Amino acid sequence: MRHLWLLALLLAASPASAAWLKMDRTQDGFLFTGTEDGEPFSFTVPGKHVRTIKDGDRAFAEIDGVLIQVLLVPSEEPGSPPGLDAHASVEKRYLESLGAEVASASSCSHMALRHQEWASEFAGRTTYYLTANAGRRILVVAVVAARKDIPASSALETLGAICSSLTTN
């Protein structure tokens, strides 16, 4: 129950089934791989301790105190223009409707892959969002410190690791 406010903020979009996402332990952390409609992606997250959380068809991983949500959404929402910009706009408006303060972010500006990135502040916690094209879908990653004893900088470091290792084919 303590994660309910985090879940509410993470994303408004209806995700595809979590069956498309796989997480494997590596020597230094965890490798996330996924495919939907034959469009694979992967990234790594450093860490030692993992706990998975299910909420309906949404899957979450808490790695060393940082909560990560990964999902794929259609690149064309009904009644909206296609693409990352439209998706980011919808997500930001939704977060603002919840009372979150939303701002642009640039932690992943070094990525060659076209992407959108932003942060939201709600109830004293910052959630970082990254979206990138994954074929006919948009890959969405949200990260937030899961507990008050975990600094927001840990979530930002996790996002940096994701940005540095993200590949889509």
Foldseek 3Di string as FASTA:
>chain_A
DLCVVVVLLQFDADFDACPQWDWDADPFFIKIWGDDPRKIKIFTFGADDWDWDDDPRWIWIQGPQKIKTKGKHFQDDPPFDGHQVRRVVVGVVSNVVVVWDKDFDCLLVVAPFDKGKIWTADPRWIKIWIWGDRDRIIMIMIMTRNDPVDDRVSRSVRVNRRSVGMDID
